[in-house]
Amino acid sequence: MRFTLSSRALRDYQKLSPKLMKIADKQFSFLLRNIRHPSLRAKKYDETRSIWQARISDNLRFYFKIRGDEYYVLTIVKHPK
C-alpha cells in the first residue's frame, strides 16, 4: 500500500507540534503495515462516501479513503468530544 496526504491534510500535518508530528508518523506507519492495528482504532466513518477514521492521539483523528493500493488522507482534525 501507498500513503498520500491531500493538500489539506498536508497543511493540517504541518500545523501539528513536533511531538504530535512524531506520533502521527508512527500511526501512519501502523496504517501502512496493518489497518487493524489496535492503536489506530480504524473504522468506517461514512459508508456512503467510503471515508475511514483513525486515531492519532486521544484528541486527534485523521480521515482517509482507500483508493486501490493507496491510503489517501483527507484531513487531520481534533476529535470533537
C-alpha atoms as a PDB file:
ATOM      1  CA  MET A   1       0.000   0.000   0.000  1.00  0.00           C
ATOM      2  CA  ARG A   2       0.971   3.597  -0.594  1.00  0.00           C
ATOM      3  CA  PHE A   3       0.237   6.603   1.570  1.00  0.00           C
ATOM      4  CA  THR A   4      -0.667  10.080   0.314  1.00  0.00           C
ATOM      5  CA  LEU A   5      -1.701  13.272   2.078  1.00  0.00           C
ATOM      6  CA  SER A   6      -4.145  15.599   0.358  1.00  0.00           C
ATOM      7  CA  SER A   7      -3.099  19.261   0.229  1.00  0.00           C
ATOM      8  CA  ARG A   8      -5.467  19.957   3.126  1.00  0.00           C
ATOM      9  CA  ALA A   9      -4.083  17.064   5.183  1.00  0.00           C
ATOM     10  CA  LEU A  10      -0.545  18.272   4.483  1.00  0.00           C
ATOM     11  CA  ARG A  11      -1.449  21.737   5.814  1.00  0.00           C
ATOM     12  CA  ASP A  12      -3.089  20.118   8.856  1.00  0.00           C
ATOM     13  CA  TYR A  13       0.017  17.989   9.431  1.00  0.00           C
ATOM     14  CA  GLN A  14       2.372  20.978   9.158  1.00  0.00           C
ATOM     15  CA  LYS A  15       0.387  22.795  11.868  1.00  0.00           C
ATOM     16  CA  LEU A  16       0.987  19.984  14.379  1.00  0.00           C
ATOM     17  CA  SER A  17       3.586  20.338  17.105  1.00  0.00           C
ATOM     18  CA  PRO A  18       6.796  18.349  16.561  1.00  0.00           C
ATOM     19  CA  LYS A  19       5.649  15.876  19.229  1.00  0.00           C
ATOM     20  CA  LEU A  20       2.297  15.298  17.504  1.00  0.00           C
ATOM     21  CA  MET A  21       4.042  15.009  14.114  1.00  0.00           C
ATOM     22  CA  LYS A  22       6.143  12.183  15.508  1.00  0.00           C
ATOM     23  CA  ILE A  23       3.056  10.439  16.895  1.00  0.00           C
ATOM     24  CA  ALA A  24       1.214  10.939  13.584  1.00  0.00           C
ATOM     25  CA  ASP A  25       4.153   9.459  11.665  1.00  0.00           C
ATOM     26  CA  LYS A  26       4.068   6.404  13.923  1.00  0.00           C
ATOM     27  CA  GLN A  27       0.328   5.963  13.405  1.00  0.00           C
ATOM     28  CA  PHE A  28       0.703   6.364   9.632  1.00  0.00           C
ATOM     29  CA  SER A  29       3.365   3.648   9.647  1.00  0.00           C
ATOM     30  CA  PHE A  30       0.995   1.373  11.576  1.00  0.00           C
ATOM     31  CA  LEU A  31      -1.659   2.053   8.945  1.00  0.00           C
ATOM     32  CA  LEU A  32       0.714   1.025   6.167  1.00  0.00           C
ATOM     33  CA  ARG A  33       1.557  -2.215   7.962  1.00  0.00           C
ATOM     34  CA  ASN A  34      -1.874  -3.157   9.332  1.00  0.00           C
ATOM     35  CA  ILE A  35      -5.118  -1.179   9.174  1.00  0.00           C
ATOM     36  CA  ARG A  36      -6.358  -3.284  12.099  1.00  0.00           C
ATOM     37  CA  HIS A  37      -3.549  -2.168  14.430  1.00  0.00           C
ATOM     38  CA  PRO A  38      -5.209  -1.655  17.851  1.00  0.00           C
ATOM     39  CA  SER A  39      -3.880   1.862  18.446  1.00  0.00           C
ATOM     40  CA  LEU A  40      -5.408   3.138  15.189  1.00  0.00           C
ATOM     41  CA  ARG A  41      -8.933   2.079  16.060  1.00  0.00           C
ATOM     42  CA  ALA A  42      -9.682   2.474  12.341  1.00  0.00           C
ATOM     43  CA  LYS A  43     -13.326   2.321  11.397  1.00  0.00           C
ATOM     44  CA  LYS A  44     -15.618   3.240   8.544  1.00  0.00           C
ATOM     45  CA  TYR A  45     -16.750   6.799   9.275  1.00  0.00           C
ATOM     46  CA  ASP A  46     -19.001   7.493   6.277  1.00  0.00           C
ATOM     47  CA  GLU A  47     -20.194   4.411   4.417  1.00  0.00           C
ATOM     48  CA  THR A  48     -21.759   6.325   1.513  1.00  0.00           C
ATOM     49  CA  ARG A  49     -18.558   8.244   0.724  1.00  0.00           C
ATOM     50  CA  SER A  50     -16.192   5.423   1.775  1.00  0.00           C
ATOM     51  CA  ILE A  51     -14.391   7.584   4.331  1.00  0.00           C
ATOM     52  CA  TRP A  52     -12.495   5.964   7.184  1.00  0.00           C
ATOM     53  CA  GLN A  53     -11.445   7.436  10.524  1.00  0.00           C
ATOM     54  CA  ALA A  54      -8.363   6.518  12.549  1.00  0.00           C
ATOM     55  CA  ARG A  55      -6.742   7.754  15.710  1.00  0.00           C
ATOM     56  CA  ILE A  56      -3.516   9.699  16.098  1.00  0.00           C
ATOM     57  CA  SER A  57      -3.995  10.505  19.792  1.00  0.00           C
ATOM     58  CA  ASP A  58      -6.833  10.844  22.285  1.00  0.00           C
ATOM     59  CA  ASN A  59      -7.762  14.210  20.792  1.00  0.00           C
ATOM     60  CA  LEU A  60      -6.652  13.901  17.165  1.00  0.00           C
ATOM     61  CA  ARG A  61      -8.091  11.899  14.255  1.00  0.00           C
ATOM     62  CA  PHE A  62      -7.341  11.526  10.592  1.00  0.00           C
ATOM     63  CA  TYR A  63      -9.850  10.751   7.883  1.00  0.00           C
ATOM     64  CA  PHE A  64      -8.885   8.806   4.784  1.00  0.00           C
ATOM     65  CA  LYS A  65     -10.087   6.888   1.766  1.00  0.00           C
ATOM     66  CA  ILE A  66      -8.780   3.631   0.392  1.00  0.00           C
ATOM     67  CA  ARG A  67      -8.230   4.050  -3.339  1.00  0.00           C
ATOM     68  CA  GLY A  68      -6.864   0.876  -4.901  1.00  0.00           C
ATOM     69  CA  ASP A  69      -3.473   0.354  -3.251  1.00  0.00           C
ATOM     70  CA  GLU A  70      -3.394   3.824  -1.666  1.00  0.00           C
ATOM     71  CA  TYR A  71      -4.428   5.287   1.663  1.00  0.00           C
ATOM     72  CA  TYR A  72      -5.405   8.859   0.785  1.00  0.00           C
ATOM     73  CA  VAL A  73      -5.571  11.067   3.884  1.00  0.00           C
ATOM     74  CA  LEU A  74      -8.197  13.774   3.532  1.00  0.00           C
ATOM     75  CA  THR A  75      -7.736  15.723   6.758  1.00  0.00           C
ATOM     76  CA  ILE A  76      -6.344  15.692  10.281  1.00  0.00           C
ATOM     77  CA  VAL A  77      -8.631  17.239  12.905  1.00  0.00           C
ATOM     78  CA  LYS A  78      -9.220  17.483  16.621  1.00  0.00           C
ATOM     79  CA  HIS A  79     -11.693  14.895  17.800  1.00  0.00           C
ATOM     80  CA  PRO A  80     -14.981  16.500  18.811  1.00  0.00           C
ATOM     81  CA  LYS A  81     -15.943  15.254  22.263  1.00  0.00           C
END
